[in-house]
Amino acid sequence: MARMQDSLTVAQSLVSRFERMVRRDGSRIRLIGVDESLVRIGYVPGVDPDCADGVCVLPEVELQAMMAEVLAAQAPALSVKVEREAA
C-alpha cells in the first residue's frame, strides 16, 4: 500500500510539473491512473499545430519522452504512457 501511495505522489507531482508547461498553448493533461509500474496521463493538445502565433503545440510523443526522463530520475521503477484524449 505504501509503495502504491508513493507512486501516486510521484505521478501527481509529474502532472503538476508538466501542467504549467502545456497550459501555455491551451493543452491540458490529467492523471488517468497509476499501477505499480505505469503512470497513465491523458493529454488534450492545444489549438495551434502550425505555430502561427509562435506557440507550438507539443506532440504527445515528445511530452511522453520528457515525462519519462523526469520519471527515470525520480522513480526508475515507473514508466509513463501519454494518451491523447478528445477535447
N, C-alpha and C. Protein backbone atom coordinates (compact mmCIF):
# COMPACT_ATOMS: atom_id res chain seq x y z
N MET A 1 0.83 -1.21 0.00
CA MET A 1 0.00 0.00 0.00
C MET A 1 0.87 1.25 0.00
N ALA A 2 1.93 1.27 0.80
CA ALA A 2 2.79 2.46 0.86
C ALA A 2 3.47 2.70 -0.48
N ARG A 3 3.89 1.62 -1.15
CA ARG A 3 4.54 1.78 -2.45
C ARG A 3 3.59 2.39 -3.47
N MET A 4 2.34 1.94 -3.47
CA MET A 4 1.34 2.49 -4.39
C MET A 4 1.11 3.97 -4.10
N GLN A 5 1.06 4.32 -2.82
CA GLN A 5 0.87 5.72 -2.44
C GLN A 5 2.06 6.55 -2.91
N ASP A 6 3.28 6.01 -2.79
CA ASP A 6 4.46 6.72 -3.28
C ASP A 6 4.37 6.94 -4.78
N SER A 7 3.94 5.91 -5.52
CA SER A 7 3.78 6.03 -6.97
C SER A 7 2.75 7.09 -7.32
N LEU A 8 1.67 7.13 -6.58
CA LEU A 8 0.62 8.13 -6.80
C LEU A 8 1.16 9.53 -6.55
N THR A 9 1.92 9.71 -5.49
CA THR A 9 2.51 11.01 -5.18
C THR A 9 3.46 11.46 -6.28
N VAL A 10 4.30 10.55 -6.76
CA VAL A 10 5.23 10.87 -7.85
C VAL A 10 4.44 11.24 -9.11
N ALA A 11 3.40 10.49 -9.41
CA ALA A 11 2.58 10.76 -10.60
C ALA A 11 1.90 12.12 -10.52
N GLN A 12 1.35 12.45 -9.37
CA GLN A 12 0.70 13.75 -9.19
C GLN A 12 1.71 14.88 -9.33
N SER A 13 2.89 14.69 -8.81
CA SER A 13 3.95 15.68 -8.94
C SER A 13 4.35 15.86 -10.40
N LEU A 14 4.42 14.76 -11.13
CA LEU A 14 4.76 14.81 -12.55
C LEU A 14 3.73 15.62 -13.33
N VAL A 15 2.46 15.36 -13.06
CA VAL A 15 1.39 16.11 -13.74
C VAL A 15 1.48 17.59 -13.40
N SER A 16 1.68 17.92 -12.15
CA SER A 16 1.79 19.33 -11.75
C SER A 16 2.95 20.02 -12.45
N ARG A 17 4.06 19.33 -12.54
CA ARG A 17 5.25 19.91 -13.17
C ARG A 17 5.02 20.23 -14.65
N PHE A 18 4.39 19.31 -15.37
CA PHE A 18 4.20 19.50 -16.80
C PHE A 18 2.93 20.26 -17.15
N GLU A 19 1.99 20.32 -16.23
CA GLU A 19 0.73 21.04 -16.46
C GLU A 19 0.99 22.51 -16.80
N ARG A 20 1.89 23.11 -16.07
CA ARG A 20 2.22 24.52 -16.33
C ARG A 20 2.79 24.71 -17.72
N MET A 21 3.61 23.77 -18.15
CA MET A 21 4.25 23.89 -19.45
C MET A 21 3.24 23.75 -20.60
N VAL A 22 2.37 22.75 -20.54
CA VAL A 22 1.45 22.53 -21.66
C VAL A 22 0.30 23.53 -21.68
N ARG A 23 0.02 24.13 -20.55
CA ARG A 23 -1.08 25.09 -20.46
C ARG A 23 -0.85 26.31 -21.36
N ARG A 24 0.42 26.65 -21.63
CA ARG A 24 0.74 27.84 -22.43
C ARG A 24 0.12 27.80 -23.82
N ASP A 25 0.01 26.61 -24.41
CA ASP A 25 -0.57 26.53 -25.76
C ASP A 25 -2.03 26.06 -25.73
N GLY A 26 -2.62 26.04 -24.55
CA GLY A 26 -4.01 25.65 -24.43
C GLY A 26 -4.20 24.15 -24.24
N SER A 27 -3.11 23.41 -24.12
CA SER A 27 -3.22 21.96 -23.90
C SER A 27 -3.58 21.68 -22.44
N ARG A 28 -4.05 20.44 -22.22
CA ARG A 28 -4.37 20.01 -20.85
C ARG A 28 -3.87 18.60 -20.65
N ILE A 29 -3.43 18.31 -19.43
CA ILE A 29 -3.08 16.94 -19.06
C ILE A 29 -3.79 16.59 -17.77
N ARG A 30 -3.96 15.30 -17.56
CA ARG A 30 -4.56 14.82 -16.32
C ARG A 30 -4.03 13.44 -16.02
N LEU A 31 -4.03 13.09 -14.78
CA LEU A 31 -3.62 11.76 -14.35
C LEU A 31 -4.80 10.82 -14.55
N ILE A 32 -4.62 9.82 -15.41
CA ILE A 32 -5.67 8.82 -15.62
C ILE A 32 -5.60 7.75 -14.55
N GLY A 33 -4.37 7.30 -14.27
CA GLY A 33 -4.24 6.26 -13.27
C GLY A 33 -2.79 5.86 -13.07
N VAL A 34 -2.57 5.09 -12.02
CA VAL A 34 -1.24 4.61 -11.67
C VAL A 34 -1.38 3.17 -11.19
N ASP A 35 -0.50 2.30 -11.69
CA ASP A 35 -0.40 0.99 -11.06
C ASP A 35 1.04 0.86 -10.56
N GLU A 36 1.48 -0.33 -10.26
CA GLU A 36 2.80 -0.47 -9.65
C GLU A 36 3.94 -0.02 -10.55
N SER A 37 3.74 -0.04 -11.88
CA SER A 37 4.85 0.31 -12.77
C SER A 37 4.51 1.31 -13.87
N LEU A 38 3.25 1.69 -14.02
CA LEU A 38 2.85 2.55 -15.13
C LEU A 38 2.02 3.73 -14.66
N VAL A 39 2.41 4.91 -15.13
CA VAL A 39 1.64 6.14 -14.91
C VAL A 39 0.96 6.46 -16.23
N ARG A 40 -0.37 6.56 -16.23
CA ARG A 40 -1.11 6.90 -17.45
C ARG A 40 -1.57 8.35 -17.37
N ILE A 41 -1.21 9.10 -18.41
CA ILE A 41 -1.51 10.52 -18.48
C ILE A 41 -2.43 10.78 -19.66
N GLY A 42 -3.52 11.50 -19.44
CA GLY A 42 -4.39 11.92 -20.52
C GLY A 42 -3.93 13.28 -21.03
N TYR A 43 -3.92 13.46 -22.36
CA TYR A 43 -3.41 14.69 -22.97
C TYR A 43 -4.39 15.20 -24.02
N VAL A 44 -4.83 16.43 -23.84
CA VAL A 44 -5.67 17.12 -24.82
C VAL A 44 -4.80 18.23 -25.41
N PRO A 45 -4.34 18.06 -26.67
CA PRO A 45 -3.47 19.08 -27.27
C PRO A 45 -4.18 20.42 -27.44
N GLY A 46 -3.38 21.47 -27.48
CA GLY A 46 -3.89 22.82 -27.70
C GLY A 46 -4.37 23.02 -29.13
N VAL A 47 -4.47 24.27 -29.54
CA VAL A 47 -5.17 24.59 -30.78
C VAL A 47 -4.32 25.17 -31.91
N ASP A 48 -3.00 25.25 -31.78
CA ASP A 48 -2.21 25.88 -32.84
C ASP A 48 -1.09 24.97 -33.35
N PRO A 49 -1.46 23.90 -34.08
CA PRO A 49 -0.44 22.95 -34.54
C PRO A 49 0.52 23.52 -35.58
N ASP A 50 0.16 24.63 -36.22
CA ASP A 50 1.03 25.24 -37.24
C ASP A 50 1.95 26.31 -36.68
N CYS A 51 1.90 26.56 -35.40
CA CYS A 51 2.74 27.57 -34.75
C CYS A 51 2.54 28.97 -35.33
N ALA A 52 1.35 29.28 -35.79
CA ALA A 52 1.09 30.56 -36.45
C ALA A 52 1.39 31.75 -35.54
N ASP A 53 1.17 31.61 -34.25
CA ASP A 53 1.44 32.74 -33.35
C ASP A 53 2.74 32.55 -32.57
N GLY A 54 3.57 31.60 -32.99
CA GLY A 54 4.85 31.39 -32.33
C GLY A 54 4.80 30.43 -31.16
N VAL A 55 3.63 29.94 -30.81
CA VAL A 55 3.48 28.97 -29.73
C VAL A 55 3.08 27.64 -30.36
N CYS A 56 3.96 26.68 -30.33
CA CYS A 56 3.69 25.37 -30.94
C CYS A 56 3.08 24.41 -29.93
N VAL A 57 2.23 23.55 -30.42
CA VAL A 57 1.63 22.53 -29.58
C VAL A 57 2.60 21.35 -29.49
N LEU A 58 2.81 20.88 -28.29
CA LEU A 58 3.73 19.79 -28.03
C LEU A 58 3.09 18.46 -28.44
N PRO A 59 3.73 17.70 -29.35
CA PRO A 59 3.20 16.37 -29.70
C PRO A 59 3.26 15.44 -28.49
N GLU A 60 2.28 14.54 -28.38
CA GLU A 60 2.24 13.67 -27.19
C GLU A 60 3.47 12.79 -27.07
N VAL A 61 4.07 12.40 -28.19
CA VAL A 61 5.27 11.56 -28.12
C VAL A 61 6.43 12.31 -27.46
N GLU A 62 6.54 13.62 -27.73
CA GLU A 62 7.58 14.42 -27.10
C GLU A 62 7.29 14.65 -25.62
N LEU A 63 6.02 14.89 -25.30
CA LEU A 63 5.62 15.05 -23.91
C LEU A 63 5.94 13.77 -23.13
N GLN A 64 5.62 12.62 -23.71
CA GLN A 64 5.90 11.34 -23.06
C GLN A 64 7.40 11.16 -22.85
N ALA A 65 8.21 11.53 -23.83
CA ALA A 65 9.67 11.39 -23.69
C ALA A 65 10.20 12.27 -22.56
N MET A 66 9.71 13.49 -22.47
CA MET A 66 10.17 14.40 -21.41
C MET A 66 9.73 13.88 -20.03
N MET A 67 8.48 13.41 -19.95
CA MET A 67 7.99 12.87 -18.69
C MET A 67 8.78 11.62 -18.29
N ALA A 68 9.11 10.78 -19.26
CA ALA A 68 9.88 9.57 -18.98
C ALA A 68 11.26 9.92 -18.43
N GLU A 69 11.85 10.98 -18.96
CA GLU A 69 13.16 11.42 -18.47
C GLU A 69 13.09 11.83 -17.00
N VAL A 70 12.07 12.58 -16.65
CA VAL A 70 11.89 13.01 -15.26
C VAL A 70 11.64 11.81 -14.36
N LEU A 71 10.78 10.90 -14.81
CA LEU A 71 10.48 9.71 -14.00
C LEU A 71 11.72 8.84 -13.80
N ALA A 72 12.57 8.74 -14.81
CA ALA A 72 13.77 7.92 -14.70
C ALA A 72 14.66 8.41 -13.55
N ALA A 73 14.66 9.72 -13.34
CA ALA A 73 15.46 10.29 -12.25
C ALA A 73 14.77 10.17 -10.90
N GLN A 74 13.44 10.31 -10.88
CA GLN A 74 12.70 10.32 -9.62
C GLN A 74 12.23 8.95 -9.16
N ALA A 75 11.80 8.14 -10.11
CA ALA A 75 11.22 6.83 -9.77
C ALA A 75 11.50 5.86 -10.91
N PRO A 76 12.71 5.33 -10.98
CA PRO A 76 13.11 4.48 -12.11
C PRO A 76 12.23 3.25 -12.33
N ALA A 77 11.51 2.81 -11.33
CA ALA A 77 10.65 1.64 -11.48
C ALA A 77 9.36 1.96 -12.24
N LEU A 78 9.07 3.24 -12.43
CA LEU A 78 7.84 3.65 -13.11
C LEU A 78 8.11 4.01 -14.57
N SER A 79 7.15 3.76 -15.41
CA SER A 79 7.18 4.24 -16.78
C SER A 79 5.91 5.08 -16.99
N VAL A 80 5.87 5.82 -18.10
CA VAL A 80 4.74 6.69 -18.36
C VAL A 80 4.20 6.44 -19.75
N LYS A 81 2.88 6.55 -19.88
CA LYS A 81 2.21 6.46 -21.17
C LYS A 81 1.30 7.67 -21.28
N VAL A 82 1.51 8.47 -22.33
CA VAL A 82 0.65 9.63 -22.59
C VAL A 82 -0.36 9.23 -23.64
N GLU A 83 -1.63 9.43 -23.33
CA GLU A 83 -2.72 9.04 -24.22
C GLU A 83 -3.50 10.27 -24.66
N ARG A 84 -3.61 10.46 -25.97
CA ARG A 84 -4.36 11.61 -26.49
C ARG A 84 -5.85 11.40 -26.19
N GLU A 85 -6.46 12.49 -25.72
CA GLU A 85 -7.90 12.46 -25.40
C GLU A 85 -8.61 13.51 -26.25
N ALA A 86 -9.89 13.32 -26.46
CA ALA A 86 -10.69 14.28 -27.19
C ALA A 86 -10.89 15.54 -26.33
N ALA A 87 -11.03 16.66 -27.01
CA ALA A 87 -11.23 17.92 -26.31
C ALA A 87 -12.54 17.98 -25.59
